[in-house]
Amino acid sequence: MNTTLSAITVKQLQKVIKIKAKLEALQEKLEDVLALDGGEIPIPSGTRKRRMSASARARISAAQRARWAKIRGTSKEKPGKQTRRKMSAAGRAAIAAAGFT
């Protein structure tokens, strides 16, 4: 804001004064609220890591191994591998007739 005081209109100056008064009132309210709580806003110190017991880790890993065994045990192929689709002779003929060769 590179405006000088001579470039500000009376209406703009009145707006500035109203806004400044509102800011001061809000600042006073904020100070009152903080004074009721002891004056300080608690800031949480770093986050703590959650620790997991060895038995809990063992249960989770056993359950995951069981899930993988279930997936792998039902199919002879590797999970995620898909068989290649083959187009029928009629489909190939239809594409060839349409001119998309």
PDB file of N, CA and C in Angstrom:
ATOM      1  N   MET A   1       0.843  -1.172   0.000  1.00  0.00           N
ATOM      2  CA  MET A   1       0.000   0.000   0.000  1.00  0.00           C
ATOM      3  C   MET A   1       0.888   1.235   0.000  1.00  0.00           C
ATOM      4  N   ASN A   2       1.091   1.785  -1.138  1.00  0.00           N
ATOM      5  CA  ASN A   2       1.922   2.971  -1.285  1.00  0.00           C
ATOM      6  C   ASN A   2       1.052   4.214  -1.466  1.00  0.00           C
ATOM      7  N   THR A   3       0.057   4.387  -0.627  1.00  0.00           N
ATOM      8  CA  THR A   3      -0.789   5.566  -0.734  1.00  0.00           C
ATOM      9  C   THR A   3      -0.361   6.572   0.309  1.00  0.00           C
ATOM     10  N   THR A   4      -0.454   7.812  -0.055  1.00  0.00           N
ATOM     11  CA  THR A   4      -0.138   8.873   0.899  1.00  0.00           C
ATOM     12  C   THR A   4      -1.428   9.340   1.543  1.00  0.00           C
ATOM     13  N   LEU A   5      -1.298  10.055   2.628  1.00  0.00           N
ATOM     14  CA  LEU A   5      -2.492  10.536   3.326  1.00  0.00           C
ATOM     15  C   LEU A   5      -3.283  11.528   2.484  1.00  0.00           C
ATOM     16  N   SER A   6      -2.620  12.230   1.611  1.00  0.00           N
ATOM     17  CA  SER A   6      -3.333  13.206   0.785  1.00  0.00           C
ATOM     18  C   SER A   6      -4.179  12.525  -0.287  1.00  0.00           C
ATOM     19  N   ALA A   7      -3.858  11.245  -0.620  1.00  0.00           N
ATOM     20  CA  ALA A   7      -4.606  10.530  -1.647  1.00  0.00           C
ATOM     21  C   ALA A   7      -5.824   9.809  -1.068  1.00  0.00           C
ATOM     22  N   ILE A   8      -5.959   9.760   0.255  1.00  0.00           N
ATOM     23  CA  ILE A   8      -7.075   9.057   0.899  1.00  0.00           C
ATOM     24  C   ILE A   8      -8.258  10.008   1.025  1.00  0.00           C
ATOM     25  N   THR A   9      -9.449   9.504   0.666  1.00  0.00           N
ATOM     26  CA  THR A   9     -10.645  10.323   0.794  1.00  0.00           C
ATOM     27  C   THR A   9     -11.150  10.268   2.221  1.00  0.00           C
ATOM     28  N   VAL A  10     -12.063  11.146   2.529  1.00  0.00           N
ATOM     29  CA  VAL A  10     -12.634  11.204   3.879  1.00  0.00           C
ATOM     30  C   VAL A  10     -13.380   9.911   4.183  1.00  0.00           C
ATOM     31  N   LYS A  11     -14.082   9.402   3.186  1.00  0.00           N
ATOM     32  CA  LYS A  11     -14.844   8.165   3.379  1.00  0.00           C
ATOM     33  C   LYS A  11     -13.904   7.002   3.698  1.00  0.00           C
ATOM     34  N   GLN A  12     -12.789   6.915   2.971  1.00  0.00           N
ATOM     35  CA  GLN A  12     -11.810   5.861   3.221  1.00  0.00           C
ATOM     36  C   GLN A  12     -11.205   6.002   4.611  1.00  0.00           C
ATOM     37  N   LEU A  13     -10.943   7.231   5.011  1.00  0.00           N
ATOM     38  CA  LEU A  13     -10.370   7.468   6.328  1.00  0.00           C
ATOM     39  C   LEU A  13     -11.342   7.062   7.432  1.00  0.00           C
ATOM     40  N   GLN A  14     -12.623   7.308   7.235  1.00  0.00           N
ATOM     41  CA  GLN A  14     -13.631   6.884   8.216  1.00  0.00           C
ATOM     42  C   GLN A  14     -13.684   5.367   8.316  1.00  0.00           C
ATOM     43  N   LYS A  15     -13.574   4.675   7.173  1.00  0.00           N
ATOM     44  CA  LYS A  15     -13.553   3.204   7.182  1.00  0.00           C
ATOM     45  C   LYS A  15     -12.350   2.695   7.954  1.00  0.00           C
ATOM     46  N   VAL A  16     -11.204   3.310   7.725  1.00  0.00           N
ATOM     47  CA  VAL A  16      -9.986   2.899   8.411  1.00  0.00           C
ATOM     48  C   VAL A  16     -10.149   3.054   9.917  1.00  0.00           C
ATOM     49  N   ILE A  17     -10.749   4.153  10.348  1.00  0.00           N
ATOM     50  CA  ILE A  17     -10.945   4.401  11.783  1.00  0.00           C
ATOM     51  C   ILE A  17     -11.885   3.362  12.385  1.00  0.00           C
ATOM     52  N   LYS A  18     -12.966   3.002  11.671  1.00  0.00           N
ATOM     53  CA  LYS A  18     -13.901   1.988  12.169  1.00  0.00           C
ATOM     54  C   LYS A  18     -13.221   0.629  12.288  1.00  0.00           C
ATOM     55  N   ILE A  19     -12.466   0.266  11.276  1.00  0.00           N
ATOM     56  CA  ILE A  19     -11.778  -1.029  11.295  1.00  0.00           C
ATOM     57  C   ILE A  19     -10.770  -1.072  12.431  1.00  0.00           C
ATOM     58  N   LYS A  20     -10.036   0.013  12.625  1.00  0.00           N
ATOM     59  CA  LYS A  20      -9.043   0.082  13.702  1.00  0.00           C
ATOM     60  C   LYS A  20      -9.727  -0.077  15.061  1.00  0.00           C
ATOM     61  N   ALA A  21     -10.893   0.535  15.244  1.00  0.00           N
ATOM     62  CA  ALA A  21     -11.627   0.425  16.505  1.00  0.00           C
ATOM     63  C   ALA A  21     -12.087  -1.014  16.739  1.00  0.00           C
ATOM     64  N   LYS A  22     -12.543  -1.666  15.669  1.00  0.00           N
ATOM     65  CA  LYS A  22     -12.968  -3.071  15.780  1.00  0.00           C
ATOM     66  C   LYS A  22     -11.787  -3.954  16.163  1.00  0.00           C
ATOM     67  N   LEU A  23     -10.637  -3.710  15.543  1.00  0.00           N
ATOM     68  CA  LEU A  23      -9.441  -4.496  15.865  1.00  0.00           C
ATOM     69  C   LEU A  23      -9.041  -4.332  17.325  1.00  0.00           C
ATOM     70  N   GLU A  24      -9.092  -3.122  17.820  1.00  0.00           N
ATOM     71  CA  GLU A  24      -8.731  -2.875  19.220  1.00  0.00           C
ATOM     72  C   GLU A  24      -9.708  -3.568  20.163  1.00  0.00           C
ATOM     73  N   ALA A  25     -11.012  -3.547  19.824  1.00  0.00           N
ATOM     74  CA  ALA A  25     -12.010  -4.206  20.666  1.00  0.00           C
ATOM     75  C   ALA A  25     -11.780  -5.715  20.675  1.00  0.00           C
ATOM     76  N   LEU A  26     -11.479  -6.291  19.504  1.00  0.00           N
ATOM     77  CA  LEU A  26     -11.220  -7.726  19.431  1.00  0.00           C
ATOM     78  C   LEU A  26      -9.949  -8.091  20.193  1.00  0.00           C
ATOM     79  N   GLN A  27      -8.939  -7.235  20.126  1.00  0.00           N
ATOM     80  CA  GLN A  27      -7.703  -7.489  20.849  1.00  0.00           C
ATOM     81  C   GLN A  27      -7.963  -7.503  22.359  1.00  0.00           C
ATOM     82  N   GLU A  28      -8.801  -6.575  22.833  1.00  0.00           N
ATOM     83  CA  GLU A  28      -9.140  -6.541  24.257  1.00  0.00           C
ATOM     84  C   GLU A  28      -9.892  -7.806  24.663  1.00  0.00           C
ATOM     85  N   LYS A  29     -10.822  -8.253  23.834  1.00  0.00           N
ATOM     86  CA  LYS A  29     -11.557  -9.480  24.134  1.00  0.00           C
ATOM     87  C   LYS A  29     -10.623 -10.675  24.198  1.00  0.00           C
ATOM     88  N   LEU A  30      -9.690 -10.740  23.262  1.00  0.00           N
ATOM     89  CA  LEU A  30      -8.727 -11.829  23.252  1.00  0.00           C
ATOM     90  C   LEU A  30      -7.878 -11.820  24.519  1.00  0.00           C
ATOM     91  N   GLU A  31      -7.434 -10.666  24.932  1.00  0.00           N
ATOM     92  CA  GLU A  31      -6.641 -10.563  26.156  1.00  0.00           C
ATOM     93  C   GLU A  31      -7.457 -10.979  27.379  1.00  0.00           C
ATOM     94  N   ASP A  32      -8.749 -10.626  27.397  1.00  0.00           N
ATOM     95  CA  ASP A  32      -9.609 -11.032  28.514  1.00  0.00           C
ATOM     96  C   ASP A  32      -9.744 -12.544  28.583  1.00  0.00           C
ATOM     97  N   VAL A  33      -9.931 -13.171  27.430  1.00  0.00           N
ATOM     98  CA  VAL A  33     -10.078 -14.629  27.400  1.00  0.00           C
ATOM     99  C   VAL A  33      -8.793 -15.292  27.858  1.00  0.00           C
ATOM    100  N   LEU A  34      -7.680 -14.807  27.383  1.00  0.00           N
ATOM    101  CA  LEU A  34      -6.400 -15.395  27.773  1.00  0.00           C
ATOM    102  C   LEU A  34      -6.105 -15.166  29.249  1.00  0.00           C
ATOM    103  N   ALA A  35      -6.550 -14.054  29.804  1.00  0.00           N
ATOM    104  CA  ALA A  35      -6.328 -13.773  31.220  1.00  0.00           C
ATOM    105  C   ALA A  35      -7.113 -14.740  32.099  1.00  0.00           C
ATOM    106  N   LEU A  36      -8.288 -15.183  31.634  1.00  0.00           N
ATOM    107  CA  LEU A  36      -9.086 -16.129  32.413  1.00  0.00           C
ATOM    108  C   LEU A  36      -8.413 -17.490  32.483  1.00  0.00           C
ATOM    109  N   ASP A  37      -7.712 -17.872  31.418  1.00  0.00           N
ATOM    110  CA  ASP A  37      -7.082 -19.184  31.369  1.00  0.00           C
ATOM    111  C   ASP A  37      -5.672 -19.194  31.944  1.00  0.00           C
ATOM    112  N   GLY A  38      -5.224 -18.103  32.475  1.00  0.00           N
ATOM    113  CA  GLY A  38      -3.881 -18.066  33.022  1.00  0.00           C
ATOM    114  C   GLY A  38      -2.923 -17.311  32.131  1.00  0.00           C
ATOM    115  N   GLY A  39      -3.387 -16.818  30.997  1.00  0.00           N
ATOM    116  CA  GLY A  39      -2.568 -15.981  30.159  1.00  0.00           C
ATOM    117  C   GLY A  39      -1.772 -16.697  29.092  1.00  0.00           C
ATOM    118  N   GLU A  40      -1.718 -18.000  29.117  1.00  0.00           N
ATOM    119  CA  GLU A  40      -0.943 -18.711  28.117  1.00  0.00           C
ATOM    120  C   GLU A  40      -1.813 -19.686  27.349  1.00  0.00           C
ATOM    121  N   ILE A  41      -1.540 -19.805  26.091  1.00  0.00           N
ATOM    122  CA  ILE A  41      -2.218 -20.804  25.273  1.00  0.00           C
ATOM    123  C   ILE A  41      -1.319 -22.037  25.251  1.00  0.00           C
ATOM    124  N   PRO A  42      -1.840 -23.185  25.685  1.00  0.00           N
ATOM    125  CA  PRO A  42      -0.988 -24.373  25.693  1.00  0.00           C
ATOM    126  C   PRO A  42      -0.649 -24.823  24.279  1.00  0.00           C
ATOM    127  N   ILE A  43       0.620 -25.026  24.032  1.00  0.00           N
ATOM    128  CA  ILE A  43       1.078 -25.506  22.731  1.00  0.00           C
ATOM    129  C   ILE A  43       1.566 -26.929  22.930  1.00  0.00           C
ATOM    130  N   PRO A  44       0.973 -27.884  22.218  1.00  0.00           N
ATOM    131  CA  PRO A  44       1.376 -29.272  22.422  1.00  0.00           C
ATOM    132  C   PRO A  44       2.819 -29.484  21.982  1.00  0.00           C
ATOM    133  N   SER A  45       3.556 -30.170  22.829  1.00  0.00           N
ATOM    134  CA  SER A  45       4.922 -30.493  22.443  1.00  0.00           C
ATOM    135  C   SER A  45       4.865 -31.675  21.498  1.00  0.00           C
ATOM    136  N   GLY A  46       5.913 -31.950  20.790  1.00  0.00           N
ATOM    137  CA  GLY A  46       5.975 -32.965  19.739  1.00  0.00           C
ATOM    138  C   GLY A  46       5.050 -34.153  19.912  1.00  0.00           C
ATOM    139  N   THR A  47       4.808 -34.825  18.839  1.00  0.00           N
ATOM    140  CA  THR A  47       3.917 -35.978  18.891  1.00  0.00           C
ATOM    141  C   THR A  47       4.676 -37.186  19.420  1.00  0.00           C
ATOM    142  N   ARG A  48       4.002 -37.977  20.195  1.00  0.00           N
ATOM    143  CA  ARG A  48       4.621 -39.182  20.750  1.00  0.00           C
ATOM    144  C   ARG A  48       4.372 -40.344  19.814  1.00  0.00           C
ATOM    145  N   LYS A  49       5.354 -41.209  19.714  1.00  0.00           N
ATOM    146  CA  LYS A  49       5.183 -42.401  18.901  1.00  0.00           C
ATOM    147  C   LYS A  49       4.393 -43.434  19.684  1.00  0.00           C
ATOM    148  N   ARG A  50       3.501 -44.106  19.002  1.00  0.00           N
ATOM    149  CA  ARG A  50       2.753 -45.177  19.661  1.00  0.00           C
ATOM    150  C   ARG A  50       3.588 -46.437  19.612  1.00  0.00           C
ATOM    151  N   ARG A  51       3.711 -47.053  20.732  1.00  0.00           N
ATOM    152  CA  ARG A  51       4.500 -48.285  20.815  1.00  0.00           C
ATOM    153  C   ARG A  51       3.567 -49.482  20.727  1.00  0.00           C
ATOM    154  N   MET A  52       4.023 -50.508  20.046  1.00  0.00           N
ATOM    155  CA  MET A  52       3.233 -51.719  19.896  1.00  0.00           C
ATOM    156  C   MET A  52       4.031 -52.867  20.494  1.00  0.00           C
ATOM    157  N   SER A  53       3.356 -53.688  21.249  1.00  0.00           N
ATOM    158  CA  SER A  53       4.054 -54.804  21.882  1.00  0.00           C
ATOM    159  C   SER A  53       4.447 -55.844  20.829  1.00  0.00           C
ATOM    160  N   ALA A  54       5.413 -56.666  21.191  1.00  0.00           N
ATOM    161  CA  ALA A  54       5.882 -57.699  20.268  1.00  0.00           C
ATOM    162  C   ALA A  54       4.770 -58.694  19.958  1.00  0.00           C
ATOM    163  N   SER A  55       3.939 -58.997  20.954  1.00  0.00           N
ATOM    164  CA  SER A  55       2.857 -59.953  20.715  1.00  0.00           C
ATOM    165  C   SER A  55       1.812 -59.372  19.759  1.00  0.00           C
ATOM    166  N   ALA A  56       1.548 -58.084  19.874  1.00  0.00           N
ATOM    167  CA  ALA A  56       0.591 -57.444  18.965  1.00  0.00           C
ATOM    168  C   ALA A  56       1.128 -57.455  17.538  1.00  0.00           C
ATOM    169  N   ARG A  57       2.429 -57.152  17.378  1.00  0.00           N
ATOM    170  CA  ARG A  57       3.033 -57.196  16.043  1.00  0.00           C
ATOM    171  C   ARG A  57       2.974 -58.597  15.470  1.00  0.00           C
ATOM    172  N   ALA A  58       3.209 -59.602  16.323  1.00  0.00           N
ATOM    173  CA  ALA A  58       3.175 -60.990  15.863  1.00  0.00           C
ATOM    174  C   ALA A  58       1.769 -61.374  15.412  1.00  0.00           C
ATOM    175  N   ARG A  59       0.745 -60.954  16.151  1.00  0.00           N
ATOM    176  CA  ARG A  59      -0.642 -61.256  15.775  1.00  0.00           C
ATOM    177  C   ARG A  59      -0.990 -60.603  14.435  1.00  0.00           C
ATOM    178  N   ILE A  60      -0.581 -59.347  14.268  1.00  0.00           N
ATOM    179  CA  ILE A  60      -0.885 -58.635  13.029  1.00  0.00           C
ATOM    180  C   ILE A  60      -0.184 -59.288  11.849  1.00  0.00           C
ATOM    181  N   SER A  61       1.097 -59.632  12.011  1.00  0.00           N
ATOM    182  CA  SER A  61       1.825 -60.233  10.897  1.00  0.00           C
ATOM    183  C   SER A  61       1.289 -61.630  10.575  1.00  0.00           C
ATOM    184  N   ALA A  62       0.873 -62.374  11.597  1.00  0.00           N
ATOM    185  CA  ALA A  62       0.297 -63.694  11.341  1.00  0.00           C
ATOM    186  C   ALA A  62      -1.014 -63.566  10.575  1.00  0.00           C
ATOM    187  N   ALA A  63      -1.815 -62.578  10.937  1.00  0.00           N
ATOM    188  CA  ALA A  63      -3.078 -62.369  10.229  1.00  0.00           C
ATOM    189  C   ALA A  63      -2.827 -61.977   8.776  1.00  0.00           C
ATOM    190  N   GLN A  64      -1.806 -61.138   8.552  1.00  0.00           N
ATOM    191  CA  GLN A  64      -1.496 -60.742   7.185  1.00  0.00           C
ATOM    192  C   GLN A  64      -0.984 -61.921   6.377  1.00  0.00           C
ATOM    193  N   ARG A  65      -0.138 -62.752   6.974  1.00  0.00           N
ATOM    194  CA  ARG A  65       0.344 -63.946   6.267  1.00  0.00           C
ATOM    195  C   ARG A  65      -0.817 -64.864   5.927  1.00  0.00           C
ATOM    196  N   ALA A  66      -1.793 -64.982   6.829  1.00  0.00           N
ATOM    197  CA  ALA A  66      -2.960 -65.819   6.565  1.00  0.00           C
ATOM    198  C   ALA A  66      -3.775 -65.259   5.401  1.00  0.00           C
ATOM    199  N   ARG A  67      -3.909 -63.921   5.331  1.00  0.00           N
ATOM    200  CA  ARG A  67      -4.645 -63.316   4.221  1.00  0.00           C
ATOM    201  C   ARG A  67      -3.950 -63.586   2.901  1.00  0.00           C
ATOM    202  N   TRP A  68      -2.619 -63.442   2.872  1.00  0.00           N
ATOM    203  CA  TRP A  68      -1.883 -63.719   1.647  1.00  0.00           C
ATOM    204  C   TRP A  68      -1.966 -65.191   1.267  1.00  0.00           C
ATOM    205  N   ALA A  69      -1.905 -66.073   2.251  1.00  0.00           N
ATOM    206  CA  ALA A  69      -1.994 -67.508   1.956  1.00  0.00           C
ATOM    207  C   ALA A  69      -3.361 -67.836   1.371  1.00  0.00           C
ATOM    208  N   LYS A  70      -4.386 -67.178   1.863  1.00  0.00           N
ATOM    209  CA  LYS A  70      -5.731 -67.407   1.341  1.00  0.00           C
ATOM    210  C   LYS A  70      -5.822 -66.970  -0.113  1.00  0.00           C
ATOM    211  N   ILE A  71      -5.215 -65.833  -0.432  1.00  0.00           N
ATOM    212  CA  ILE A  71      -5.242 -65.347  -1.813  1.00  0.00           C
ATOM    213  C   ILE A  71      -4.439 -66.271  -2.710  1.00  0.00           C
ATOM    214  N   ARG A  72      -3.260 -66.645  -2.292  1.00  0.00           N
ATOM    215  CA  ARG A  72      -2.389 -67.473  -3.120  1.00  0.00           C
ATOM    216  C   ARG A  72      -2.867 -68.916  -3.191  1.00  0.00           C
ATOM    217  N   GLY A  73      -3.533 -69.396  -2.153  1.00  0.00           N
ATOM    218  CA  GLY A  73      -3.952 -70.783  -2.116  1.00  0.00           C
ATOM    219  C   GLY A  73      -5.123 -71.092  -3.019  1.00  0.00           C
ATOM    220  N   THR A  74      -5.950 -70.105  -3.360  1.00  0.00           N
ATOM    221  CA  THR A  74      -7.141 -70.371  -4.154  1.00  0.00           C
ATOM    222  C   THR A  74      -6.854 -70.377  -5.640  1.00  0.00           C
ATOM    223  N   SER A  75      -5.733 -69.812  -6.062  1.00  0.00           N
ATOM    224  CA  SER A  75      -5.435 -69.713  -7.488  1.00  0.00           C
ATOM    225  C   SER A  75      -4.076 -70.323  -7.769  1.00  0.00           C
ATOM    226  N   LYS A  76      -3.938 -70.942  -8.929  1.00  0.00           N
ATOM    227  CA  LYS A  76      -2.656 -71.532  -9.307  1.00  0.00           C
ATOM    228  C   LYS A  76      -1.722 -70.464  -9.855  1.00  0.00           C
ATOM    229  N   GLU A  77      -2.283 -69.376 -10.362  1.00  0.00           N
ATOM    230  CA  GLU A  77      -1.483 -68.302 -10.901  1.00  0.00           C
ATOM    231  C   GLU A  77      -1.106 -67.328  -9.799  1.00  0.00           C
ATOM    232  N   LYS A  78      -0.160 -66.468 -10.104  1.00  0.00           N
ATOM    233  CA  LYS A  78       0.243 -65.455  -9.149  1.00  0.00           C
ATOM    234  C   LYS A  78      -0.885 -64.443  -8.998  1.00  0.00           C
ATOM    235  N   PRO A  79      -1.077 -63.893  -7.794  1.00  0.00           N
ATOM    236  CA  PRO A  79      -2.130 -62.895  -7.637  1.00  0.00           C
ATOM    237  C   PRO A  79      -1.811 -61.655  -8.465  1.00  0.00           C
ATOM    238  N   GLY A  80      -2.807 -61.117  -9.098  1.00  0.00           N
ATOM    239  CA  GLY A  80      -2.629 -59.921  -9.889  1.00  0.00           C
ATOM    240  C   GLY A  80      -2.313 -60.200 -11.342  1.00  0.00           C
ATOM    241  N   LYS A  81      -1.879 -61.413 -11.687  1.00  0.00           N
ATOM    242  CA  LYS A  81      -1.576 -61.718 -13.077  1.00  0.00           C
ATOM    243  C   LYS A  81      -2.871 -62.093 -13.787  1.00  0.00           C
ATOM    244  N   GLN A  82      -3.091 -61.464 -14.922  1.00  0.00           N
ATOM    245  CA  GLN A  82      -4.313 -61.726 -15.665  1.00  0.00           C
ATOM    246  C   GLN A  82      -3.982 -62.515 -16.922  1.00  0.00           C
ATOM    247  N   THR A  83      -4.914 -63.350 -17.322  1.00  0.00           N
ATOM    248  CA  THR A  83      -4.712 -64.088 -18.563  1.00  0.00           C
ATOM    249  C   THR A  83      -4.971 -63.151 -19.732  1.00  0.00           C
ATOM    250  N   ARG A  84      -4.337 -63.420 -20.822  1.00  0.00           N
ATOM    251  CA  ARG A  84      -4.480 -62.565 -21.982  1.00  0.00           C
ATOM    252  C   ARG A  84      -5.792 -62.868 -22.692  1.00  0.00           C
ATOM    253  N   ARG A  85      -6.517 -61.829 -23.043  1.00  0.00           N
ATOM    254  CA  ARG A  85      -7.790 -62.013 -23.728  1.00  0.00           C
ATOM    255  C   ARG A  85      -7.554 -62.319 -25.194  1.00  0.00           C
ATOM    256  N   LYS A  86      -8.410 -63.128 -25.744  1.00  0.00           N
ATOM    257  CA  LYS A  86      -8.301 -63.474 -27.158  1.00  0.00           C
ATOM    258  C   LYS A  86      -9.563 -63.004 -27.863  1.00  0.00           C
ATOM    259  N   MET A  87      -9.366 -62.440 -29.021  1.00  0.00           N
ATOM    260  CA  MET A  87     -10.497 -61.940 -29.786  1.00  0.00           C
ATOM    261  C   MET A  87     -11.044 -63.059 -30.662  1.00  0.00           C
ATOM    262  N   SER A  88     -12.345 -63.119 -30.769  1.00  0.00           N
ATOM    263  CA  SER A  88     -12.960 -64.153 -31.597  1.00  0.00           C
ATOM    264  C   SER A  88     -12.737 -63.830 -33.078  1.00  0.00           C
ATOM    265  N   ALA A  89     -12.880 -64.854 -33.891  1.00  0.00           N
ATOM    266  CA  ALA A  89     -12.719 -64.681 -35.337  1.00  0.00           C
ATOM    267  C   ALA A  89     -13.767 -63.712 -35.866  1.00  0.00           C
ATOM    268  N   ALA A  90     -14.969 -63.779 -35.323  1.00  0.00           N
ATOM    269  CA  ALA A  90     -16.036 -62.883 -35.765  1.00  0.00           C
ATOM    270  C   ALA A  90     -15.696 -61.435 -35.409  1.00  0.00           C
ATOM    271  N   GLY A  91     -15.104 -61.224 -34.248  1.00  0.00           N
ATOM    272  CA  GLY A  91     -14.708 -59.877 -33.834  1.00  0.00           C
ATOM    273  C   GLY A  91     -13.629 -59.314 -34.732  1.00  0.00           C
ATOM    274  N   ARG A  92     -12.628 -60.166 -35.060  1.00  0.00           N
ATOM    275  CA  ARG A  92     -11.561 -59.727 -35.960  1.00  0.00           C
ATOM    276  C   ARG A  92     -12.122 -59.378 -37.332  1.00  0.00           C
ATOM    277  N   ALA A  93     -13.071 -60.200 -37.804  1.00  0.00           N
ATOM    278  CA  ALA A  93     -13.667 -59.961 -39.116  1.00  0.00           C
ATOM    279  C   ALA A  93     -14.459 -58.648 -39.117  1.00  0.00           C
ATOM    280  N   ALA A  94     -15.144 -58.360 -38.027  1.00  0.00           N
ATOM    281  CA  ALA A  94     -15.932 -57.136 -37.931  1.00  0.00           C
ATOM    282  C   ALA A  94     -15.022 -55.908 -37.953  1.00  0.00           C
ATOM    283  N   ILE A  95     -13.879 -55.985 -37.259  1.00  0.00           N
ATOM    284  CA  ILE A  95     -12.939 -54.867 -37.246  1.00  0.00           C
ATOM    285  C   ILE A  95     -12.319 -54.688 -38.621  1.00  0.00           C
ATOM    286  N   ALA A  96     -11.962 -55.794 -39.250  1.00  0.00           N
ATOM    287  CA  ALA A  96     -11.378 -55.729 -40.586  1.00  0.00           C
ATOM    288  C   ALA A  96     -12.376 -55.133 -41.579  1.00  0.00           C
ATOM    289  N   ALA A  97     -13.642 -55.490 -41.460  1.00  0.00           N
ATOM    290  CA  ALA A  97     -14.672 -54.967 -42.357  1.00  0.00           C
ATOM    291  C   ALA A  97     -14.882 -53.468 -42.139  1.00  0.00           C
ATOM    292  N   ALA A  98     -14.685 -53.010 -40.909  1.00  0.00           N
ATOM    293  CA  ALA A  98     -14.874 -51.595 -40.614  1.00  0.00           C
ATOM    294  C   ALA A  98     -13.681 -50.764 -41.083  1.00  0.00           C
ATOM    295  N   GLY A  99     -12.573 -51.396 -41.370  1.00  0.00           N
ATOM    296  CA  GLY A  99     -11.419 -50.678 -41.888  1.00  0.00           C
ATOM    297  C   GLY A  99     -10.454 -50.208 -40.818  1.00  0.00           C
ATOM    298  N   PHE A 100     -10.457 -50.791 -39.638  1.00  0.00           N
ATOM    299  CA  PHE A 100      -9.567 -50.403 -38.549  1.00  0.00           C
ATOM    300  C   PHE A 100      -8.379 -51.341 -38.426  1.00  0.00           C
ATOM    301  N   THR A 101      -7.806 -51.773 -39.517  1.00  0.00           N
ATOM    302  CA  THR A 101      -6.672 -52.712 -39.436  1.00  0.00           C
ATOM    303  C   THR A 101      -5.362 -52.006 -39.375  1.00  0.00           C
TER     304      THR A 101
END
